[in-house]
PDB file of N, CA and C in Angstrom:
ATOM      1  N   MET A   1      -0.543  12.254  -6.743  1.00  0.00           N
ATOM      2  CA  MET A   1       0.421  11.730  -5.795  1.00  0.00           C
ATOM      3  C   MET A   1      -0.308  10.759  -4.872  1.00  0.00           C
ATOM      4  N   LYS A   2       0.260   9.599  -4.726  1.00  0.00           N
ATOM      5  CA  LYS A   2      -0.305   8.601  -3.824  1.00  0.00           C
ATOM      6  C   LYS A   2       0.448   8.625  -2.501  1.00  0.00           C
ATOM      7  N   PHE A   3      -0.298   8.466  -1.419  1.00  0.00           N
ATOM      8  CA  PHE A   3       0.295   8.350  -0.090  1.00  0.00           C
ATOM      9  C   PHE A   3       0.289   6.871   0.277  1.00  0.00           C
ATOM     10  N   GLU A   4       1.331   6.171  -0.151  1.00  0.00           N
ATOM     11  CA  GLU A   4       1.436   4.718   0.052  1.00  0.00           C
ATOM     12  C   GLU A   4       1.862   4.395   1.484  1.00  0.00           C
ATOM     13  N   GLY A   5       1.449   3.238   1.956  1.00  0.00           N
ATOM     14  CA  GLY A   5       1.896   2.730   3.242  1.00  0.00           C
ATOM     15  C   GLY A   5       1.399   3.501   4.450  1.00  0.00           C
ATOM     16  N   THR A   6       0.264   4.160   4.315  1.00  0.00           N
ATOM     17  CA  THR A   6      -0.258   4.967   5.422  1.00  0.00           C
ATOM     18  C   THR A   6      -1.032   4.149   6.442  1.00  0.00           C
ATOM     19  N   GLY A   7      -1.480   2.975   6.028  1.00  0.00           N
ATOM     20  CA  GLY A   7      -2.320   2.173   6.900  1.00  0.00           C
ATOM     21  C   GLY A   7      -3.796   2.484   6.763  1.00  0.00           C
ATOM     22  N   LEU A   8      -4.134   3.516   5.983  1.00  0.00           N
ATOM     23  CA  LEU A   8      -5.551   3.827   5.764  1.00  0.00           C
ATOM     24  C   LEU A   8      -6.177   2.886   4.748  1.00  0.00           C
ATOM     25  N   ASP A   9      -5.424   2.578   3.696  1.00  0.00           N
ATOM     26  CA  ASP A   9      -5.979   1.712   2.662  1.00  0.00           C
ATOM     27  C   ASP A   9      -6.258   0.327   3.247  1.00  0.00           C
ATOM     28  N   GLN A  10      -7.332  -0.224   2.821  1.00  0.00           N
ATOM     29  CA  GLN A  10      -7.824  -1.534   3.251  1.00  0.00           C
ATOM     30  C   GLN A  10      -8.537  -1.502   4.607  1.00  0.00           C
ATOM     31  N   GLN A  11      -8.624  -0.335   5.266  1.00  0.00           N
ATOM     32  CA  GLN A  11      -9.415  -0.220   6.491  1.00  0.00           C
ATOM     33  C   GLN A  11     -10.893  -0.245   6.112  1.00  0.00           C
ATOM     34  N   THR A  12     -11.722  -0.838   6.949  1.00  0.00           N
ATOM     35  CA  THR A  12     -13.162  -0.858   6.692  1.00  0.00           C
ATOM     36  C   THR A  12     -13.899  -0.227   7.862  1.00  0.00           C
ATOM     37  N   ALA A  13     -14.989   0.474   7.533  1.00  0.00           N
ATOM     38  CA  ALA A  13     -15.801   1.122   8.560  1.00  0.00           C
ATOM     39  C   ALA A  13     -17.221   1.288   8.039  1.00  0.00           C
ATOM     40  N   GLU A  14     -18.149   1.434   8.965  1.00  0.00           N
ATOM     41  CA  GLU A  14     -19.545   1.665   8.612  1.00  0.00           C
ATOM     42  C   GLU A  14     -19.667   3.083   8.060  1.00  0.00           C
ATOM     43  N   LEU A  15     -20.420   3.240   6.978  1.00  0.00           N
ATOM     44  CA  LEU A  15     -20.468   4.489   6.221  1.00  0.00           C
ATOM     45  C   LEU A  15     -20.870   5.703   7.055  1.00  0.00           C
ATOM     46  N   SER A  16     -21.925   5.622   7.839  1.00  0.00           N
ATOM     47  CA  SER A  16     -22.374   6.810   8.576  1.00  0.00           C
ATOM     48  C   SER A  16     -21.325   7.259   9.593  1.00  0.00           C
ATOM     49  N   ARG A  17     -20.660   6.323  10.231  1.00  0.00           N
ATOM     50  CA  ARG A  17     -19.596   6.673  11.177  1.00  0.00           C
ATOM     51  C   ARG A  17     -18.393   7.252  10.438  1.00  0.00           C
ATOM     52  N   LEU A  18     -18.100   6.694   9.264  1.00  0.00           N
ATOM     53  CA  LEU A  18     -16.990   7.188   8.449  1.00  0.00           C
ATOM     54  C   LEU A  18     -17.276   8.603   7.950  1.00  0.00           C
ATOM     55  N   ASP A  19     -18.512   8.856   7.507  1.00  0.00           N
ATOM     56  CA  ASP A  19     -18.891  10.207   7.066  1.00  0.00           C
ATOM     57  C   ASP A  19     -18.627  11.226   8.171  1.00  0.00           C
ATOM     58  N   PHE A  20     -19.058  10.906   9.374  1.00  0.00           N
ATOM     59  CA  PHE A  20     -18.891  11.807  10.517  1.00  0.00           C
ATOM     60  C   PHE A  20     -17.406  12.048  10.802  1.00  0.00           C
ATOM     61  N   LEU A  21     -16.629  10.985  10.829  1.00  0.00           N
ATOM     62  CA  LEU A  21     -15.201  11.085  11.123  1.00  0.00           C
ATOM     63  C   LEU A  21     -14.465  11.888  10.050  1.00  0.00           C
ATOM     64  N   MET A  22     -14.747  11.598   8.797  1.00  0.00           N
ATOM     65  CA  MET A  22     -14.077  12.314   7.707  1.00  0.00           C
ATOM     66  C   MET A  22     -14.389  13.806   7.768  1.00  0.00           C
ATOM     67  N   GLU A  23     -15.648  14.135   8.053  1.00  0.00           N
ATOM     68  CA  GLU A  23     -16.028  15.544   8.130  1.00  0.00           C
ATOM     69  C   GLU A  23     -15.275  16.256   9.254  1.00  0.00           C
ATOM     70  N   GLN A  24     -15.035  15.571  10.350  1.00  0.00           N
ATOM     71  CA  GLN A  24     -14.262  16.155  11.450  1.00  0.00           C
ATOM     72  C   GLN A  24     -12.838  16.501  11.016  1.00  0.00           C
ATOM     73  N   HIS A  25     -12.342  15.827   9.992  1.00  0.00           N
ATOM     74  CA  HIS A  25     -10.989  16.069   9.491  1.00  0.00           C
ATOM     75  C   HIS A  25     -10.986  16.898   8.206  1.00  0.00           C
ATOM     76  N   GLY A  26     -12.123  17.520   7.898  1.00  0.00           N
ATOM     77  CA  GLY A  26     -12.201  18.414   6.748  1.00  0.00           C
ATOM     78  C   GLY A  26     -12.428  17.737   5.418  1.00  0.00           C
ATOM     79  N   LEU A  27     -12.726  16.444   5.425  1.00  0.00           N
ATOM     80  CA  LEU A  27     -12.980  15.697   4.187  1.00  0.00           C
ATOM     81  C   LEU A  27     -14.487  15.505   4.041  1.00  0.00           C
ATOM     82  N   ILE A  28     -15.031  15.966   2.924  1.00  0.00           N
ATOM     83  CA  ILE A  28     -16.474  15.855   2.730  1.00  0.00           C
ATOM     84  C   ILE A  28     -16.798  14.932   1.565  1.00  0.00           C
ATOM     85  N   ARG A  29     -17.936  14.248   1.700  1.00  0.00           N
ATOM     86  CA  ARG A  29     -18.376  13.336   0.640  1.00  0.00           C
ATOM     87  C   ARG A  29     -19.246  14.071  -0.369  1.00  0.00           C
ATOM     88  N   ALA A  30     -20.085  14.975   0.077  1.00  0.00           N
ATOM     89  CA  ALA A  30     -20.982  15.757  -0.784  1.00  0.00           C
ATOM     90  C   ALA A  30     -21.640  14.863  -1.830  1.00  0.00           C
ATOM     91  N   GLY A  31     -21.497  15.202  -3.111  1.00  0.00           N
ATOM     92  CA  GLY A  31     -22.154  14.432  -4.162  1.00  0.00           C
ATOM     93  C   GLY A  31     -21.259  13.418  -4.842  1.00  0.00           C
ATOM     94  N   GLN A  32     -20.065  13.186  -4.302  1.00  0.00           N
ATOM     95  CA  GLN A  32     -19.120  12.275  -4.943  1.00  0.00           C
ATOM     96  C   GLN A  32     -19.354  10.836  -4.487  1.00  0.00           C
ATOM     97  N   TRP A  33     -20.441  10.251  -4.948  1.00  0.00           N
ATOM     98  CA  TRP A  33     -20.703   8.858  -4.610  1.00  0.00           C
ATOM     99  C   TRP A  33     -21.660   8.266  -5.632  1.00  0.00           C
ATOM    100  N   ASP A  34     -21.642   6.968  -5.688  1.00  0.00           N
ATOM    101  CA  ASP A  34     -22.699   6.223  -6.354  1.00  0.00           C
ATOM    102  C   ASP A  34     -23.029   5.085  -5.398  1.00  0.00           C
ATOM    103  N   TYR A  35     -23.747   4.081  -5.835  1.00  0.00           N
ATOM    104  CA  TYR A  35     -24.169   3.042  -4.899  1.00  0.00           C
ATOM    105  C   TYR A  35     -23.052   2.085  -4.496  1.00  0.00           C
ATOM    106  N   GLU A  36     -21.907   2.149  -5.174  1.00  0.00           N
ATOM    107  CA  GLU A  36     -20.813   1.221  -4.888  1.00  0.00           C
ATOM    108  C   GLU A  36     -19.516   1.892  -4.464  1.00  0.00           C
ATOM    109  N   ARG A  37     -19.422   3.230  -4.620  1.00  0.00           N
ATOM    110  CA  ARG A  37     -18.166   3.938  -4.323  1.00  0.00           C
ATOM    111  C   ARG A  37     -18.442   5.259  -3.608  1.00  0.00           C
ATOM    112  N   VAL A  38     -17.452   5.692  -2.835  1.00  0.00           N
ATOM    113  CA  VAL A  38     -17.513   7.004  -2.189  1.00  0.00           C
ATOM    114  C   VAL A  38     -16.177   7.714  -2.390  1.00  0.00           C
ATOM    115  N   THR A  39     -16.221   9.044  -2.355  1.00  0.00           N
ATOM    116  CA  THR A  39     -15.014   9.854  -2.437  1.00  0.00           C
ATOM    117  C   THR A  39     -15.126  10.986  -1.426  1.00  0.00           C
ATOM    118  N   TYR A  40     -14.111  11.116  -0.591  1.00  0.00           N
ATOM    119  CA  TYR A  40     -14.036  12.205   0.383  1.00  0.00           C
ATOM    120  C   TYR A  40     -12.955  13.171  -0.085  1.00  0.00           C
ATOM    121  N   ASP A  41     -13.293  14.462  -0.136  1.00  0.00           N
ATOM    122  CA  ASP A  41     -12.370  15.483  -0.622  1.00  0.00           C
ATOM    123  C   ASP A  41     -12.119  16.564   0.415  1.00  0.00           C
ATOM    124  N   LYS A  42     -10.883  17.046   0.408  1.00  0.00           N
ATOM    125  CA  LYS A  42     -10.507  18.229   1.182  1.00  0.00           C
ATOM    126  C   LYS A  42      -9.857  19.193   0.197  1.00  0.00           C
ATOM    127  N   LYS A  43     -10.504  20.320  -0.023  1.00  0.00           N
ATOM    128  CA  LYS A  43     -10.001  21.315  -0.969  1.00  0.00           C
ATOM    129  C   LYS A  43      -9.003  22.226  -0.263  1.00  0.00           C
ATOM    130  N   MET A  44      -7.862  22.446  -0.920  1.00  0.00           N
ATOM    131  CA  MET A  44      -6.823  23.315  -0.369  1.00  0.00           C
ATOM    132  C   MET A  44      -6.348  24.261  -1.465  1.00  0.00           C
ATOM    133  N   GLU A  45      -6.035  25.484  -1.087  1.00  0.00           N
ATOM    134  CA  GLU A  45      -5.551  26.473  -2.047  1.00  0.00           C
ATOM    135  C   GLU A  45      -4.234  27.065  -1.568  1.00  0.00           C
ATOM    136  N   GLN A  46      -3.359  27.314  -2.537  1.00  0.00           N
ATOM    137  CA  GLN A  46      -2.101  27.994  -2.242  1.00  0.00           C
ATOM    138  C   GLN A  46      -1.647  28.733  -3.487  1.00  0.00           C
ATOM    139  N   LEU A  47      -1.389  30.018  -3.325  1.00  0.00           N
ATOM    140  CA  LEU A  47      -0.900  30.877  -4.409  1.00  0.00           C
ATOM    141  C   LEU A  47      -1.762  30.763  -5.665  1.00  0.00           C
ATOM    142  N   GLY A  48      -3.067  30.749  -5.479  1.00  0.00           N
ATOM    143  CA  GLY A  48      -3.994  30.713  -6.603  1.00  0.00           C
ATOM    144  C   GLY A  48      -4.198  29.347  -7.230  1.00  0.00           C
ATOM    145  N   GLU A  49      -3.497  28.344  -6.753  1.00  0.00           N
ATOM    146  CA  GLU A  49      -3.661  26.976  -7.260  1.00  0.00           C
ATOM    147  C   GLU A  49      -4.589  26.206  -6.323  1.00  0.00           C
ATOM    148  N   ILE A  50      -5.352  25.273  -6.897  1.00  0.00           N
ATOM    149  CA  ILE A  50      -6.291  24.472  -6.110  1.00  0.00           C
ATOM    150  C   ILE A  50      -5.835  23.023  -6.111  1.00  0.00           C
ATOM    151  N   TYR A  51      -5.821  22.438  -4.918  1.00  0.00           N
ATOM    152  CA  TYR A  51      -5.419  21.043  -4.732  1.00  0.00           C
ATOM    153  C   TYR A  51      -6.537  20.306  -4.004  1.00  0.00           C
ATOM    154  N   TYR A  52      -6.633  19.005  -4.282  1.00  0.00           N
ATOM    155  CA  TYR A  52      -7.615  18.171  -3.594  1.00  0.00           C
ATOM    156  C   TYR A  52      -6.919  16.974  -2.960  1.00  0.00           C
ATOM    157  N   PHE A  53      -7.093  16.855  -1.646  1.00  0.00           N
ATOM    158  CA  PHE A  53      -6.692  15.652  -0.930  1.00  0.00           C
ATOM    159  C   PHE A  53      -7.915  14.750  -0.976  1.00  0.00           C
ATOM    160  N   ARG A  54      -7.756  13.554  -1.479  1.00  0.00           N
ATOM    161  CA  ARG A  54      -8.898  12.686  -1.781  1.00  0.00           C
ATOM    162  C   ARG A  54      -8.679  11.285  -1.214  1.00  0.00           C
ATOM    163  N   ILE A  55      -9.719  10.793  -0.545  1.00  0.00           N
ATOM    164  CA  ILE A  55      -9.722   9.410  -0.071  1.00  0.00           C
ATOM    165  C   ILE A  55     -10.955   8.740  -0.651  1.00  0.00           C
ATOM    166  N   GLN A  56     -10.721   7.711  -1.431  1.00  0.00           N
ATOM    167  CA  GLN A  56     -11.810   6.977  -2.059  1.00  0.00           C
ATOM    168  C   GLN A  56     -12.026   5.655  -1.344  1.00  0.00           C
ATOM    169  N   GLY A  57     -13.194   5.105  -1.541  1.00  0.00           N
ATOM    170  CA  GLY A  57     -13.502   3.807  -0.970  1.00  0.00           C
ATOM    171  C   GLY A  57     -14.579   3.125  -1.781  1.00  0.00           C
ATOM    172  N   TYR A  58     -14.746   1.836  -1.541  1.00  0.00           N
ATOM    173  CA  TYR A  58     -15.819   1.114  -2.217  1.00  0.00           C
ATOM    174  C   TYR A  58     -16.609   0.320  -1.189  1.00  0.00           C
ATOM    175  N   ILE A  59     -17.845   0.071  -1.521  1.00  0.00           N
ATOM    176  CA  ILE A  59     -18.768  -0.596  -0.615  1.00  0.00           C
ATOM    177  C   ILE A  59     -18.534  -2.105  -0.661  1.00  0.00           C
ATOM    178  N   THR A  60     -18.371  -2.703   0.518  1.00  0.00           N
ATOM    179  CA  THR A  60     -18.201  -4.158   0.595  1.00  0.00           C
ATOM    180  C   THR A  60     -19.469  -4.842   1.089  1.00  0.00           C
ATOM    181  N   GLU A  61     -20.335  -4.088   1.775  1.00  0.00           N
ATOM    182  CA  GLU A  61     -21.627  -4.603   2.240  1.00  0.00           C
ATOM    183  C   GLU A  61     -22.654  -3.497   2.099  1.00  0.00           C
ATOM    184  N   GLY A  62     -23.857  -3.835   1.655  1.00  0.00           N
ATOM    185  CA  GLY A  62     -24.925  -2.854   1.531  1.00  0.00           C
ATOM    186  C   GLY A  62     -24.721  -1.949   0.333  1.00  0.00           C
ATOM    187  N   GLU A  63     -25.326  -0.746   0.404  1.00  0.00           N
ATOM    188  CA  GLU A  63     -25.143   0.251  -0.644  1.00  0.00           C
ATOM    189  C   GLU A  63     -25.249   1.632  -0.018  1.00  0.00           C
ATOM    190  N   VAL A  64     -24.671   2.616  -0.678  1.00  0.00           N
ATOM    191  CA  VAL A  64     -24.585   3.958  -0.128  1.00  0.00           C
ATOM    192  C   VAL A  64     -25.965   4.515   0.220  1.00  0.00           C
ATOM    193  N   GLY A  65     -26.941   4.304  -0.606  1.00  0.00           N
ATOM    194  CA  GLY A  65     -28.272   4.845  -0.355  1.00  0.00           C
ATOM    195  C   GLY A  65     -29.079   4.060   0.658  1.00  0.00           C
ATOM    196  N   GLY A  66     -28.580   2.937   1.110  1.00  0.00           N
ATOM    197  CA  GLY A  66     -29.314   2.092   2.047  1.00  0.00           C
ATOM    198  C   GLY A  66     -29.080   2.478   3.497  1.00  0.00           C
ATOM    199  N   ARG A  67     -29.658   1.690   4.402  1.00  0.00           N
ATOM    200  CA  ARG A  67     -29.540   1.983   5.829  1.00  0.00           C
ATOM    201  C   ARG A  67     -28.199   1.549   6.396  1.00  0.00           C
ATOM    202  N   HIS A  68     -27.554   0.597   5.757  1.00  0.00           N
ATOM    203  CA  HIS A  68     -26.287   0.087   6.286  1.00  0.00           C
ATOM    204  C   HIS A  68     -25.334  -0.148   5.122  1.00  0.00           C
ATOM    205  N   ALA A  69     -24.138   0.376   5.251  1.00  0.00           N
ATOM    206  CA  ALA A  69     -23.115   0.130   4.234  1.00  0.00           C
ATOM    207  C   ALA A  69     -21.755   0.105   4.919  1.00  0.00           C
ATOM    208  N   VAL A  70     -20.898  -0.781   4.445  1.00  0.00           N
ATOM    209  CA  VAL A  70     -19.528  -0.874   4.943  1.00  0.00           C
ATOM    210  C   VAL A  70     -18.599  -0.456   3.811  1.00  0.00           C
ATOM    211  N   VAL A  71     -17.647   0.419   4.133  1.00  0.00           N
ATOM    212  CA  VAL A  71     -16.727   0.979   3.144  1.00  0.00           C
ATOM    213  C   VAL A  71     -15.316   0.472   3.403  1.00  0.00           C
ATOM    214  N   LYS A  72     -14.636   0.078   2.326  1.00  0.00           N
ATOM    215  CA  LYS A  72     -13.216  -0.269   2.389  1.00  0.00           C
ATOM    216  C   LYS A  72     -12.457   0.876   1.720  1.00  0.00           C
ATOM    217  N   LEU A  73     -11.532   1.470   2.451  1.00  0.00           N
ATOM    218  CA  LEU A  73     -10.805   2.631   1.946  1.00  0.00           C
ATOM    219  C   LEU A  73      -9.667   2.235   1.011  1.00  0.00           C
ATOM    220  N   LEU A  74      -9.353   3.147   0.103  1.00  0.00           N
ATOM    221  CA  LEU A  74      -8.255   2.974  -0.844  1.00  0.00           C
ATOM    222  C   LEU A  74      -7.121   3.934  -0.484  1.00  0.00           C
ATOM    223  N   THR A  75      -6.031   3.867  -1.218  1.00  0.00           N
ATOM    224  CA  THR A  75      -4.855   4.705  -0.981  1.00  0.00           C
ATOM    225  C   THR A  75      -5.201   6.186  -1.151  1.00  0.00           C
ATOM    226  N   PRO A  76      -4.889   7.029  -0.161  1.00  0.00           N
ATOM    227  CA  PRO A  76      -5.155   8.466  -0.275  1.00  0.00           C
ATOM    228  C   PRO A  76      -4.369   9.088  -1.435  1.00  0.00           C
ATOM    229  N   LEU A  77      -4.972  10.123  -2.045  1.00  0.00           N
ATOM    230  CA  LEU A  77      -4.390  10.792  -3.205  1.00  0.00           C
ATOM    231  C   LEU A  77      -4.334  12.299  -2.994  1.00  0.00           C
ATOM    232  N   LEU A  78      -3.389  12.935  -3.670  1.00  0.00           N
ATOM    233  CA  LEU A  78      -3.340  14.388  -3.744  1.00  0.00           C
ATOM    234  C   LEU A  78      -3.296  14.754  -5.216  1.00  0.00           C
ATOM    235  N   GLY A  79      -4.195  15.641  -5.614  1.00  0.00           N
ATOM    236  CA  GLY A  79      -4.249  16.052  -7.011  1.00  0.00           C
ATOM    237  C   GLY A  79      -4.314  17.558  -7.145  1.00  0.00           C
ATOM    238  N   LYS A  80      -3.926  18.028  -8.318  1.00  0.00           N
ATOM    239  CA  LYS A  80      -3.977  19.457  -8.633  1.00  0.00           C
ATOM    240  C   LYS A  80      -5.091  19.674  -9.639  1.00  0.00           C
ATOM    241  N   HIS A  81      -5.906  20.704  -9.383  1.00  0.00           N
ATOM    242  CA  HIS A  81      -7.033  20.989 -10.265  1.00  0.00           C
ATOM    243  C   HIS A  81      -6.596  21.877 -11.423  1.00  0.00           C
ATOM    244  N   TYR A  82      -6.969  21.466 -12.623  1.00  0.00           N
ATOM    245  CA  TYR A  82      -6.728  22.246 -13.835  1.00  0.00           C
ATOM    246  C   TYR A  82      -8.070  22.565 -14.464  1.00  0.00           C
ATOM    247  N   TYR A  83      -8.418  23.841 -14.507  1.00  0.00           N
ATOM    248  CA  TYR A  83      -9.670  24.242 -15.130  1.00  0.00           C
ATOM    249  C   TYR A  83      -9.480  24.258 -16.632  1.00  0.00           C
ATOM    250  N   PRO A  84     -10.373  23.741 -17.425  1.00  0.00           N
ATOM    251  CA  PRO A  84     -11.631  23.060 -17.121  1.00  0.00           C
ATOM    252  C   PRO A  84     -11.493  21.538 -17.132  1.00  0.00           C
ATOM    253  N   HIS A  85     -10.299  21.015 -17.101  1.00  0.00           N
ATOM    254  CA  HIS A  85     -10.084  19.582 -17.329  1.00  0.00           C
ATOM    255  C   HIS A  85     -10.307  18.698 -16.111  1.00  0.00           C
ATOM    256  N   GLY A  86     -10.078  19.198 -14.924  1.00  0.00           N
ATOM    257  CA  GLY A  86     -10.290  18.390 -13.733  1.00  0.00           C
ATOM    258  C   GLY A  86      -9.024  18.226 -12.917  1.00  0.00           C
ATOM    259  N   VAL A  87      -8.992  17.171 -12.118  1.00  0.00           N
ATOM    260  CA  VAL A  87      -7.904  16.933 -11.170  1.00  0.00           C
ATOM    261  C   VAL A  87      -6.910  15.934 -11.748  1.00  0.00           C
ATOM    262  N   GLU A  88      -5.624  16.288 -11.676  1.00  0.00           N
ATOM    263  CA  GLU A  88      -4.548  15.411 -12.147  1.00  0.00           C
ATOM    264  C   GLU A  88      -3.729  14.931 -10.954  1.00  0.00           C
ATOM    265  N   TYR A  89      -3.422  13.637 -10.943  1.00  0.00           N
ATOM    266  CA  TYR A  89      -2.663  13.035  -9.849  1.00  0.00           C
ATOM    267  C   TYR A  89      -1.280  12.579 -10.298  1.00  0.00           C
ATOM    268  N   GLY A  90      -0.890  12.903 -11.507  1.00  0.00           N
ATOM    269  CA  GLY A  90       0.307  12.364 -12.131  1.00  0.00           C
ATOM    270  C   GLY A  90       1.592  12.564 -11.353  1.00  0.00           C
ATOM    271  N   GLU A  91       2.521  11.680 -11.615  1.00  0.00           N
ATOM    272  CA  GLU A  91       3.830  11.732 -10.974  1.00  0.00           C
ATOM    273  C   GLU A  91       4.597  12.986 -11.372  1.00  0.00           C
ATOM    274  N   GLY A  92       4.257  13.579 -12.497  1.00  0.00           N
ATOM    275  CA  GLY A  92       4.946  14.774 -12.959  1.00  0.00           C
ATOM    276  C   GLY A  92       4.462  16.051 -12.296  1.00  0.00           C
ATOM    277  N   GLU A  93       3.460  15.954 -11.453  1.00  0.00           N
ATOM    278  CA  GLU A  93       2.930  17.135 -10.772  1.00  0.00           C
ATOM    279  C   GLU A  93       3.879  17.578  -9.664  1.00  0.00           C
ATOM    280  N   ASP A  94       3.912  18.879  -9.441  1.00  0.00           N
ATOM    281  CA  ASP A  94       4.739  19.443  -8.378  1.00  0.00           C
ATOM    282  C   ASP A  94       3.806  19.969  -7.294  1.00  0.00           C
ATOM    283  N   PHE A  95       3.869  19.374  -6.110  1.00  0.00           N
ATOM    284  CA  PHE A  95       2.991  19.764  -5.019  1.00  0.00           C
ATOM    285  C   PHE A  95       3.782  20.531  -3.968  1.00  0.00           C
ATOM    286  N   PRO A  96       3.271  21.696  -3.529  1.00  0.00           N
ATOM    287  CA  PRO A  96       3.968  22.483  -2.507  1.00  0.00           C
ATOM    288  C   PRO A  96       4.102  21.703  -1.196  1.00  0.00           C
ATOM    289  N   GLU A  97       5.233  21.853  -0.549  1.00  0.00           N
ATOM    290  CA  GLU A  97       5.496  21.127   0.697  1.00  0.00           C
ATOM    291  C   GLU A  97       4.435  21.378   1.770  1.00  0.00           C
ATOM    292  N   PRO A  98       3.949  22.623   1.955  1.00  0.00           N
ATOM    293  CA  PRO A  98       2.906  22.822   2.980  1.00  0.00           C
ATOM    294  C   PRO A  98       1.621  22.033   2.689  1.00  0.00           C
ATOM    295  N   ILE A  99       1.288  21.856   1.423  1.00  0.00           N
ATOM    296  CA  ILE A  99       0.098  21.084   1.047  1.00  0.00           C
ATOM    297  C   ILE A  99       0.330  19.609   1.357  1.00  0.00           C
ATOM    298  N   VAL A 100       1.491  19.088   0.974  1.00  0.00           N
ATOM    299  CA  VAL A 100       1.823  17.681   1.241  1.00  0.00           C
ATOM    300  C   VAL A 100       1.848  17.432   2.747  1.00  0.00           C
ATOM    301  N   GLN A 101       2.461  18.349   3.495  1.00  0.00           N
ATOM    302  CA  GLN A 101       2.542  18.205   4.954  1.00  0.00           C
ATOM    303  C   GLN A 101       1.155  18.209   5.587  1.00  0.00           C
ATOM    304  N   SER A 102       0.278  19.060   5.095  1.00  0.00           N
ATOM    305  CA  SER A 102      -1.094  19.107   5.601  1.00  0.00           C
ATOM    306  C   SER A 102      -1.799  17.769   5.385  1.00  0.00           C
ATOM    307  N   CYS A 103      -1.611  17.183   4.208  1.00  0.00           N
ATOM    308  CA  CYS A 103      -2.206  15.874   3.905  1.00  0.00           C
ATOM    309  C   CYS A 103      -1.645  14.800   4.830  1.00  0.00           C
ATOM    310  N   GLU A 104      -0.337  14.798   5.017  1.00  0.00           N
ATOM    311  CA  GLU A 104       0.295  13.796   5.887  1.00  0.00           C
ATOM    312  C   GLU A 104      -0.191  13.926   7.329  1.00  0.00           C
ATOM    313  N   ASN A 105      -0.356  15.162   7.796  1.00  0.00           N
ATOM    314  CA  ASN A 105      -0.868  15.375   9.150  1.00  0.00           C
ATOM    315  C   ASN A 105      -2.310  14.889   9.274  1.00  0.00           C
ATOM    316  N   THR A 106      -3.111  15.156   8.258  1.00  0.00           N
ATOM    317  CA  THR A 106      -4.497  14.691   8.260  1.00  0.00           C
ATOM    318  C   THR A 106      -4.539  13.169   8.287  1.00  0.00           C
ATOM    319  N   ILE A 107      -3.681  12.528   7.512  1.00  0.00           N
ATOM    320  CA  ILE A 107      -3.629  11.061   7.487  1.00  0.00           C
ATOM    321  C   ILE A 107      -3.304  10.515   8.873  1.00  0.00           C
ATOM    322  N   LYS A 108      -2.319  11.098   9.539  1.00  0.00           N
ATOM    323  CA  LYS A 108      -1.928  10.621  10.872  1.00  0.00           C
ATOM    324  C   LYS A 108      -3.073  10.742  11.871  1.00  0.00           C
ATOM    325  N   ARG A 109      -3.726  11.903  11.884  1.00  0.00           N
ATOM    326  CA  ARG A 109      -4.842  12.107  12.818  1.00  0.00           C
ATOM    327  C   ARG A 109      -6.021  11.206  12.469  1.00  0.00           C
ATOM    328  N   LEU A 110      -6.300  11.088  11.185  1.00  0.00           N
ATOM    329  CA  LEU A 110      -7.416  10.266  10.732  1.00  0.00           C
ATOM    330  C   LEU A 110      -7.184   8.797  11.070  1.00  0.00           C
ATOM    331  N   LYS A 111      -5.969   8.329  10.863  1.00  0.00           N
ATOM    332  CA  LYS A 111      -5.662   6.926  11.157  1.00  0.00           C
ATOM    333  C   LYS A 111      -5.899   6.619  12.629  1.00  0.00           C
ATOM    334  N   LYS A 112      -5.470   7.520  13.486  1.00  0.00           N
ATOM    335  CA  LYS A 112      -5.664   7.322  14.927  1.00  0.00           C
ATOM    336  C   LYS A 112      -7.152   7.247  15.264  1.00  0.00           C
ATOM    337  N   ASP A 113      -7.940   8.175  14.745  1.00  0.00           N
ATOM    338  CA  ASP A 113      -9.373   8.200  15.031  1.00  0.00           C
ATOM    339  C   ASP A 113     -10.114   7.048  14.365  1.00  0.00           C
ATOM    340  N   LEU A 114      -9.632   6.618  13.221  1.00  0.00           N
ATOM    341  CA  LEU A 114     -10.278   5.535  12.476  1.00  0.00           C
ATOM    342  C   LEU A 114     -10.178   4.203  13.219  1.00  0.00           C
ATOM    343  N   GLU A 115      -9.123   4.041  13.996  1.00  0.00           N
ATOM    344  CA  GLU A 115      -8.943   2.792  14.750  1.00  0.00           C
ATOM    345  C   GLU A 115     -10.124   2.506  15.673  1.00  0.00           C
ATOM    346  N   ALA A 116     -10.795   3.556  16.129  1.00  0.00           N
ATOM    347  CA  ALA A 116     -11.921   3.388  17.052  1.00  0.00           C
ATOM    348  C   ALA A 116     -13.189   2.900  16.358  1.00  0.00           C
ATOM    349  N   ILE A 117     -13.263   3.065  15.030  1.00  0.00           N
ATOM    350  CA  ILE A 117     -14.507   2.689  14.343  1.00  0.00           C
ATOM    351  C   ILE A 117     -14.328   1.607  13.286  1.00  0.00           C
ATOM    352  N   THR A 118     -13.111   1.138  13.063  1.00  0.00           N
ATOM    353  CA  THR A 118     -12.907   0.131  12.021  1.00  0.00           C
ATOM    354  C   THR A 118     -13.541  -1.189  12.417  1.00  0.00           C
ATOM    355  N   LEU A 119     -13.945  -1.917  11.385  1.00  0.00           N
ATOM    356  CA  LEU A 119     -14.601  -3.215  11.595  1.00  0.00           C
ATOM    357  C   LEU A 119     -13.595  -4.347  11.525  1.00  0.00           C
TER     358      LEU A 119
END
């Protein structure tokens, strides 16, 4: 599921500041990165099902492993985890309303805080 029109996509911020901000909102980068892309995940569970709220971005200046990198964010996603296949974001997925609402609330709070650090 894509969260279109949130205002998060196309925002740019310095990576270290973005890492700190995302972590404050429960989104962690952990090992989901390479030198050109980053992925922030928030794991959520309901009734034995696992969902991931995911915000991806790509580097527009520098590189992730370097001292300075600028990230441009993409459209936030919500996916359902299927063991052992991975996360599916398809339109045919059924997402519980409390999970969707949690993602929307996170987007609103994140957007407000992101305004202070965007480039």
